[in-house]
Amino acid sequence: MLKNLIFYFTRLFFKFFFRIEVQGIGNIPQNGPLIFASNHISNYDPPAIMSFIYLKRKDIHVVAKKELFTNPLMGYFLEKMGTIPIDRKNPQISSIKKSIEILNQKKSLLIFPEGTRKKENRDIEVKDGISFIAYKTNSKILPLKIDIAKNKSKLGKIIIVFGKPIDIERYRFSDKQSFKNLSKEVMERIYSLKIIRESDV
């Protein structure tokens, strides 16, 4: 299966060039609708994260900026990996509908709530799209964090840590503030995840 091969070689690429390390992968539920919520530090994030989620969830999809599709080769592989393009400046309702459709099929979806790359934990207004999608599909949200540990090699070591799912049932979603509160909790949970760093060899 082409998708299996793509993710297999993607994992090999990141293991060889970035010595990628994954922590907390056992926190991933293997069934039911699930939203993976991650910080965003580079264009490598979607394929790196998805290739390891795929070990637990073959049904993974991702929402990514449409600019990544400008490269025909990357666009082809992103499409085969289940990528949903979205315009950050002019969000497409169809992309949100597609996300809801995927989760209603009890599949999983990777979302970057901040919508843009950032190198450090500085405040960025987070849209409430992730809360709305979770509410409409009754999906749990699993926070995860990706970071790059600099070392002696040219390329840094990528570390991905998966947290525990957030059960949204305690949110009543009776007003806009409820959605904002959930979005805020998601980001707080992402940046509070502790990455266990080992000394570089």
C-alpha atoms as a PDB file:
ATOM      1  CA  MET A   1       0.000   0.000   0.000  1.00  0.00           C
ATOM      2  CA  LEU A   2       1.419   3.357  -1.086  1.00  0.00           C
ATOM      3  CA  LYS A   3       0.439   5.108   2.134  1.00  0.00           C
ATOM      4  CA  ASN A   4       2.275   2.494   4.220  1.00  0.00           C
ATOM      5  CA  LEU A   5       5.421   2.938   2.138  1.00  0.00           C
ATOM      6  CA  ILE A   6       5.265   6.736   2.327  1.00  0.00           C
ATOM      7  CA  PHE A   7       5.050   6.747   6.113  1.00  0.00           C
ATOM      8  CA  TYR A   8       7.681   4.011   6.443  1.00  0.00           C
ATOM      9  CA  PHE A   9      10.275   5.911   4.421  1.00  0.00           C
ATOM     10  CA  THR A  10       9.268   9.177   6.088  1.00  0.00           C
ATOM     11  CA  ARG A  11      10.085   7.659   9.470  1.00  0.00           C
ATOM     12  CA  LEU A  12      13.416   6.374   8.134  1.00  0.00           C
ATOM     13  CA  PHE A  13      14.240   9.848   6.820  1.00  0.00           C
ATOM     14  CA  PHE A  14      13.620  11.536  10.151  1.00  0.00           C
ATOM     15  CA  LYS A  15      15.368   8.801  12.130  1.00  0.00           C
ATOM     16  CA  PHE A  16      18.475   9.019   9.929  1.00  0.00           C
ATOM     17  CA  PHE A  17      18.784  12.782   9.473  1.00  0.00           C
ATOM     18  CA  PHE A  18      17.228  14.067  12.708  1.00  0.00           C
ATOM     19  CA  ARG A  19      17.643  11.151  15.162  1.00  0.00           C
ATOM     20  CA  ILE A  20      13.973  11.688  15.960  1.00  0.00           C
ATOM     21  CA  GLU A  21      12.755  10.632  19.397  1.00  0.00           C
ATOM     22  CA  VAL A  22       9.110  10.009  20.320  1.00  0.00           C
ATOM     23  CA  GLN A  23       7.761  10.061  23.878  1.00  0.00           C
ATOM     24  CA  GLY A  24       4.297   9.198  25.226  1.00  0.00           C
ATOM     25  CA  ILE A  25       3.077   7.404  22.097  1.00  0.00           C
ATOM     26  CA  GLY A  26       1.212   5.010  24.392  1.00  0.00           C
ATOM     27  CA  ASN A  27      -1.201   7.856  25.237  1.00  0.00           C
ATOM     28  CA  ILE A  28      -2.783   7.616  21.781  1.00  0.00           C
ATOM     29  CA  PRO A  29      -6.241   5.957  21.792  1.00  0.00           C
ATOM     30  CA  GLN A  30      -6.421   3.443  18.964  1.00  0.00           C
ATOM     31  CA  ASN A  31     -10.052   4.086  18.066  1.00  0.00           C
ATOM     32  CA  GLY A  32     -12.733   6.753  18.140  1.00  0.00           C
ATOM     33  CA  PRO A  33     -12.668  10.333  16.797  1.00  0.00           C
ATOM     34  CA  LEU A  34      -9.505  12.084  17.956  1.00  0.00           C
ATOM     35  CA  ILE A  35      -7.931  15.477  17.308  1.00  0.00           C
ATOM     36  CA  PHE A  36      -4.162  15.761  17.673  1.00  0.00           C
ATOM     37  CA  ALA A  37      -3.296  19.366  18.595  1.00  0.00           C
ATOM     38  CA  SER A  38       0.333  20.426  18.131  1.00  0.00           C
ATOM     39  CA  ASN A  39       2.549  23.473  18.276  1.00  0.00           C
ATOM     40  CA  HIS A  40       4.141  24.386  14.950  1.00  0.00           C
ATOM     41  CA  ILE A  41       7.861  25.134  14.536  1.00  0.00           C
ATOM     42  CA  SER A  42       8.756  24.111  10.970  1.00  0.00           C
ATOM     43  CA  ASN A  43       7.494  22.742   7.667  1.00  0.00           C
ATOM     44  CA  TYR A  44       8.796  19.341   8.777  1.00  0.00           C
ATOM     45  CA  ASP A  45       6.138  19.105  11.491  1.00  0.00           C
ATOM     46  CA  PRO A  46       3.234  17.506   9.559  1.00  0.00           C
ATOM     47  CA  PRO A  47       5.152  14.594   7.962  1.00  0.00           C
ATOM     48  CA  ALA A  48       7.302  13.985  11.054  1.00  0.00           C
ATOM     49  CA  ILE A  49       4.358  13.848  13.442  1.00  0.00           C
ATOM     50  CA  MET A  50       2.019  11.953  11.119  1.00  0.00           C
ATOM     51  CA  SER A  51       4.553   9.244  10.316  1.00  0.00           C
ATOM     52  CA  PHE A  52       4.639   8.221  13.985  1.00  0.00           C
ATOM     53  CA  ILE A  53       0.940   8.725  14.701  1.00  0.00           C
ATOM     54  CA  TYR A  54       0.423   6.300  11.817  1.00  0.00           C
ATOM     55  CA  LEU A  55       1.940   3.534  13.930  1.00  0.00           C
ATOM     56  CA  LYS A  56      -1.120   3.800  16.201  1.00  0.00           C
ATOM     57  CA  ARG A  57      -3.740   5.355  13.933  1.00  0.00           C
ATOM     58  CA  LYS A  58      -3.849   4.363  10.269  1.00  0.00           C
ATOM     59  CA  ASP A  59      -6.765   6.775   9.797  1.00  0.00           C
ATOM     60  CA  ILE A  60      -4.735   9.958  10.456  1.00  0.00           C
ATOM     61  CA  HIS A  61      -5.364  13.110   8.414  1.00  0.00           C
ATOM     62  CA  VAL A  62      -3.898  16.595   8.793  1.00  0.00           C
ATOM     63  CA  VAL A  63      -4.909  20.191   8.224  1.00  0.00           C
ATOM     64  CA  ALA A  64      -1.993  22.164   6.736  1.00  0.00           C
ATOM     65  CA  LYS A  65      -1.484  25.492   5.020  1.00  0.00           C
ATOM     66  CA  LYS A  66      -2.099  25.384   1.295  1.00  0.00           C
ATOM     67  CA  GLU A  67       1.329  26.952   0.592  1.00  0.00           C
ATOM     68  CA  LEU A  68       2.896  23.543   1.240  1.00  0.00           C
ATOM     69  CA  PHE A  69       1.209  22.297  -1.920  1.00  0.00           C
ATOM     70  CA  THR A  70       3.088  24.749  -4.165  1.00  0.00           C
ATOM     71  CA  ASN A  71       5.880  22.184  -4.476  1.00  0.00           C
ATOM     72  CA  PRO A  72       4.382  19.510  -6.781  1.00  0.00           C
ATOM     73  CA  LEU A  73       6.344  16.639  -5.224  1.00  0.00           C
ATOM     74  CA  MET A  74       5.573  17.615  -1.646  1.00  0.00           C
ATOM     75  CA  GLY A  75       1.973  18.319  -2.606  1.00  0.00           C
ATOM     76  CA  TYR A  76       1.629  14.836  -4.084  1.00  0.00           C
ATOM     77  CA  PHE A  77       2.943  13.114  -0.970  1.00  0.00           C
ATOM     78  CA  LEU A  78       0.927  15.342   1.369  1.00  0.00           C
ATOM     79  CA  GLU A  79      -2.219  14.451  -0.531  1.00  0.00           C
ATOM     80  CA  LYS A  80      -1.416  10.735  -0.296  1.00  0.00           C
ATOM     81  CA  MET A  81      -0.804  11.173   3.431  1.00  0.00           C
ATOM     82  CA  GLY A  82      -4.314  12.543   3.918  1.00  0.00           C
ATOM     83  CA  THR A  83      -3.593  16.279   4.047  1.00  0.00           C
ATOM     84  CA  ILE A  84      -6.399  18.854   3.970  1.00  0.00           C
ATOM     85  CA  PRO A  85      -5.187  22.225   2.584  1.00  0.00           C
ATOM     86  CA  ILE A  86      -6.400  25.356   4.347  1.00  0.00           C
ATOM     87  CA  ASP A  87      -5.860  29.057   3.632  1.00  0.00           C
ATOM     88  CA  ARG A  88      -4.775  30.764   6.847  1.00  0.00           C
ATOM     89  CA  LYS A  89      -5.686  34.255   5.604  1.00  0.00           C
ATOM     90  CA  ASN A  90      -9.046  33.197   4.194  1.00  0.00           C
ATOM     91  CA  PRO A  91     -10.135  30.018   5.993  1.00  0.00           C
ATOM     92  CA  GLN A  92     -12.270  27.840   3.798  1.00  0.00           C
ATOM     93  CA  ILE A  93     -15.530  26.599   5.264  1.00  0.00           C
ATOM     94  CA  SER A  94     -15.065  23.518   3.105  1.00  0.00           C
ATOM     95  CA  SER A  95     -11.860  22.655   5.025  1.00  0.00           C
ATOM     96  CA  ILE A  96     -13.714  22.804   8.345  1.00  0.00           C
ATOM     97  CA  LYS A  97     -16.526  20.740   6.881  1.00  0.00           C
ATOM     98  CA  LYS A  98     -14.018  18.188   5.637  1.00  0.00           C
ATOM     99  CA  SER A  99     -12.415  18.018   9.075  1.00  0.00           C
ATOM    100  CA  ILE A 100     -15.816  17.420  10.661  1.00  0.00           C
ATOM    101  CA  GLU A 101     -16.603  14.798   8.038  1.00  0.00           C
ATOM    102  CA  ILE A 102     -13.372  12.924   8.811  1.00  0.00           C
ATOM    103  CA  LEU A 103     -13.970  12.934  12.564  1.00  0.00           C
ATOM    104  CA  ASN A 104     -17.600  11.903  12.153  1.00  0.00           C
ATOM    105  CA  GLN A 105     -16.204   8.773  10.512  1.00  0.00           C
ATOM    106  CA  LYS A 106     -14.409   8.049  13.818  1.00  0.00           C
ATOM    107  CA  LYS A 107     -11.025   8.886  12.279  1.00  0.00           C
ATOM    108  CA  SER A 108      -8.195  11.063  13.616  1.00  0.00           C
ATOM    109  CA  LEU A 109      -7.022  14.527  12.603  1.00  0.00           C
ATOM    110  CA  LEU A 110      -3.834  16.537  13.228  1.00  0.00           C
ATOM    111  CA  ILE A 111      -4.359  20.283  13.695  1.00  0.00           C
ATOM    112  CA  PHE A 112      -1.967  23.160  14.431  1.00  0.00           C
ATOM    113  CA  PRO A 113      -4.237  25.540  16.427  1.00  0.00           C
ATOM    114  CA  GLU A 114      -1.835  28.490  16.205  1.00  0.00           C
ATOM    115  CA  GLY A 115      -2.071  28.388  12.420  1.00  0.00           C
ATOM    116  CA  THR A 116       1.504  29.565  11.928  1.00  0.00           C
ATOM    117  CA  ARG A 117       5.052  28.568  12.823  1.00  0.00           C
ATOM    118  CA  LYS A 118       6.688  30.032  15.897  1.00  0.00           C
ATOM    119  CA  LYS A 119      10.007  29.255  17.523  1.00  0.00           C
ATOM    120  CA  GLU A 120       9.136  30.120  21.096  1.00  0.00           C
ATOM    121  CA  ASN A 121       6.214  30.196  23.498  1.00  0.00           C
ATOM    122  CA  ARG A 122       5.006  33.710  22.816  1.00  0.00           C
ATOM    123  CA  ASP A 123       1.352  34.691  22.770  1.00  0.00           C
ATOM    124  CA  ILE A 124      -0.470  34.180  19.494  1.00  0.00           C
ATOM    125  CA  GLU A 125      -4.225  34.554  19.266  1.00  0.00           C
ATOM    126  CA  VAL A 126      -5.589  31.066  18.749  1.00  0.00           C
ATOM    127  CA  LYS A 127      -8.741  30.725  16.703  1.00  0.00           C
ATOM    128  CA  ASP A 128     -11.602  28.677  18.080  1.00  0.00           C
ATOM    129  CA  GLY A 129     -11.781  26.368  15.067  1.00  0.00           C
ATOM    130  CA  ILE A 130     -10.363  23.403  16.979  1.00  0.00           C
ATOM    131  CA  SER A 131     -12.957  23.834  19.741  1.00  0.00           C
ATOM    132  CA  PHE A 132     -15.783  24.120  17.225  1.00  0.00           C
ATOM    133  CA  ILE A 133     -14.651  20.994  15.367  1.00  0.00           C
ATOM    134  CA  ALA A 134     -14.293  19.036  18.618  1.00  0.00           C
ATOM    135  CA  TYR A 135     -17.749  20.179  19.729  1.00  0.00           C
ATOM    136  CA  LYS A 136     -19.431  19.270  16.443  1.00  0.00           C
ATOM    137  CA  THR A 137     -17.864  15.794  16.402  1.00  0.00           C
ATOM    138  CA  ASN A 138     -17.633  15.072  20.148  1.00  0.00           C
ATOM    139  CA  SER A 139     -13.939  14.324  19.676  1.00  0.00           C
ATOM    140  CA  LYS A 140     -11.278  14.125  22.342  1.00  0.00           C
ATOM    141  CA  ILE A 141      -8.246  16.374  21.871  1.00  0.00           C
ATOM    142  CA  LEU A 142      -4.752  14.989  22.399  1.00  0.00           C
ATOM    143  CA  PRO A 143      -2.090  17.687  22.941  1.00  0.00           C
ATOM    144  CA  LEU A 144       1.394  17.043  21.607  1.00  0.00           C
ATOM    145  CA  LYS A 145       4.602  19.026  21.463  1.00  0.00           C
ATOM    146  CA  ILE A 146       7.392  19.000  18.908  1.00  0.00           C
ATOM    147  CA  ASP A 147      10.791  20.545  19.563  1.00  0.00           C
ATOM    148  CA  ILE A 148      14.288  20.559  18.100  1.00  0.00           C
ATOM    149  CA  ALA A 149      17.265  19.936  20.367  1.00  0.00           C
ATOM    150  CA  LYS A 150      20.378  21.463  18.849  1.00  0.00           C
ATOM    151  CA  ASN A 151      23.478  19.298  18.802  1.00  0.00           C
ATOM    152  CA  LYS A 152      26.833  18.961  17.080  1.00  0.00           C
ATOM    153  CA  SER A 153      25.325  17.729  13.810  1.00  0.00           C
ATOM    154  CA  LYS A 154      24.084  20.105  11.125  1.00  0.00           C
ATOM    155  CA  LEU A 155      20.478  19.166  11.787  1.00  0.00           C
ATOM    156  CA  GLY A 156      18.934  19.256  15.253  1.00  0.00           C
ATOM    157  CA  LYS A 157      17.361  16.271  16.969  1.00  0.00           C
ATOM    158  CA  ILE A 158      13.567  16.292  16.687  1.00  0.00           C
ATOM    159  CA  ILE A 159      11.653  15.325  19.814  1.00  0.00           C
ATOM    160  CA  ILE A 160       7.905  14.658  19.816  1.00  0.00           C
ATOM    161  CA  VAL A 161       5.975  14.137  23.057  1.00  0.00           C
ATOM    162  CA  PHE A 162       2.334  13.049  23.193  1.00  0.00           C
ATOM    163  CA  GLY A 163       0.216  14.110  26.163  1.00  0.00           C
ATOM    164  CA  LYS A 164      -3.003  12.604  27.483  1.00  0.00           C
ATOM    165  CA  PRO A 165      -6.334  13.275  25.731  1.00  0.00           C
ATOM    166  CA  ILE A 166      -8.583  16.111  26.881  1.00  0.00           C
ATOM    167  CA  ASP A 167     -12.176  14.975  27.426  1.00  0.00           C
ATOM    168  CA  ILE A 168     -14.389  17.840  26.240  1.00  0.00           C
ATOM    169  CA  GLU A 169     -17.563  16.567  27.925  1.00  0.00           C
ATOM    170  CA  ARG A 170     -17.097  18.936  30.870  1.00  0.00           C
ATOM    171  CA  TYR A 171     -17.451  21.899  28.501  1.00  0.00           C
ATOM    172  CA  ARG A 172     -21.076  22.925  27.999  1.00  0.00           C
ATOM    173  CA  PHE A 173     -20.412  25.107  24.931  1.00  0.00           C
ATOM    174  CA  SER A 174     -23.270  27.391  25.933  1.00  0.00           C
ATOM    175  CA  ASP A 175     -21.523  30.542  24.695  1.00  0.00           C
ATOM    176  CA  LYS A 176     -18.468  31.785  22.782  1.00  0.00           C
ATOM    177  CA  GLN A 177     -16.402  31.920  25.957  1.00  0.00           C
ATOM    178  CA  SER A 178     -16.719  28.150  26.345  1.00  0.00           C
ATOM    179  CA  PHE A 179     -15.014  27.659  22.984  1.00  0.00           C
ATOM    180  CA  LYS A 180     -12.301  30.159  23.885  1.00  0.00           C
ATOM    181  CA  ASN A 181     -11.693  28.430  27.213  1.00  0.00           C
ATOM    182  CA  LEU A 182     -11.209  25.065  25.540  1.00  0.00           C
ATOM    183  CA  SER A 183      -8.846  26.536  22.942  1.00  0.00           C
ATOM    184  CA  LYS A 184      -6.861  28.165  25.744  1.00  0.00           C
ATOM    185  CA  GLU A 185      -6.667  24.897  27.684  1.00  0.00           C
ATOM    186  CA  VAL A 186      -5.436  23.065  24.592  1.00  0.00           C
ATOM    187  CA  MET A 187      -2.532  25.478  24.113  1.00  0.00           C
ATOM    188  CA  GLU A 188      -1.675  25.467  27.819  1.00  0.00           C
ATOM    189  CA  ARG A 189      -1.584  21.667  27.800  1.00  0.00           C
ATOM    190  CA  ILE A 190       0.651  21.642  24.712  1.00  0.00           C
ATOM    191  CA  TYR A 191       3.252  24.004  26.155  1.00  0.00           C
ATOM    192  CA  SER A 192       3.162  22.396  29.599  1.00  0.00           C
ATOM    193  CA  LEU A 193       4.251  19.028  28.183  1.00  0.00           C
ATOM    194  CA  LYS A 194       7.649  18.055  29.544  1.00  0.00           C
ATOM    195  CA  ILE A 195      10.199  16.794  27.045  1.00  0.00           C
ATOM    196  CA  ILE A 196      12.725  14.431  28.605  1.00  0.00           C
ATOM    197  CA  ARG A 197      16.057  15.384  27.048  1.00  0.00           C
ATOM    198  CA  GLU A 198      18.993  13.048  26.959  1.00  0.00           C
ATOM    199  CA  SER A 199      22.560  14.310  26.707  1.00  0.00           C
ATOM    200  CA  ASP A 200      23.725  14.542  23.101  1.00  0.00           C
ATOM    201  CA  VAL A 201      26.424  12.069  22.208  1.00  0.00           C
END
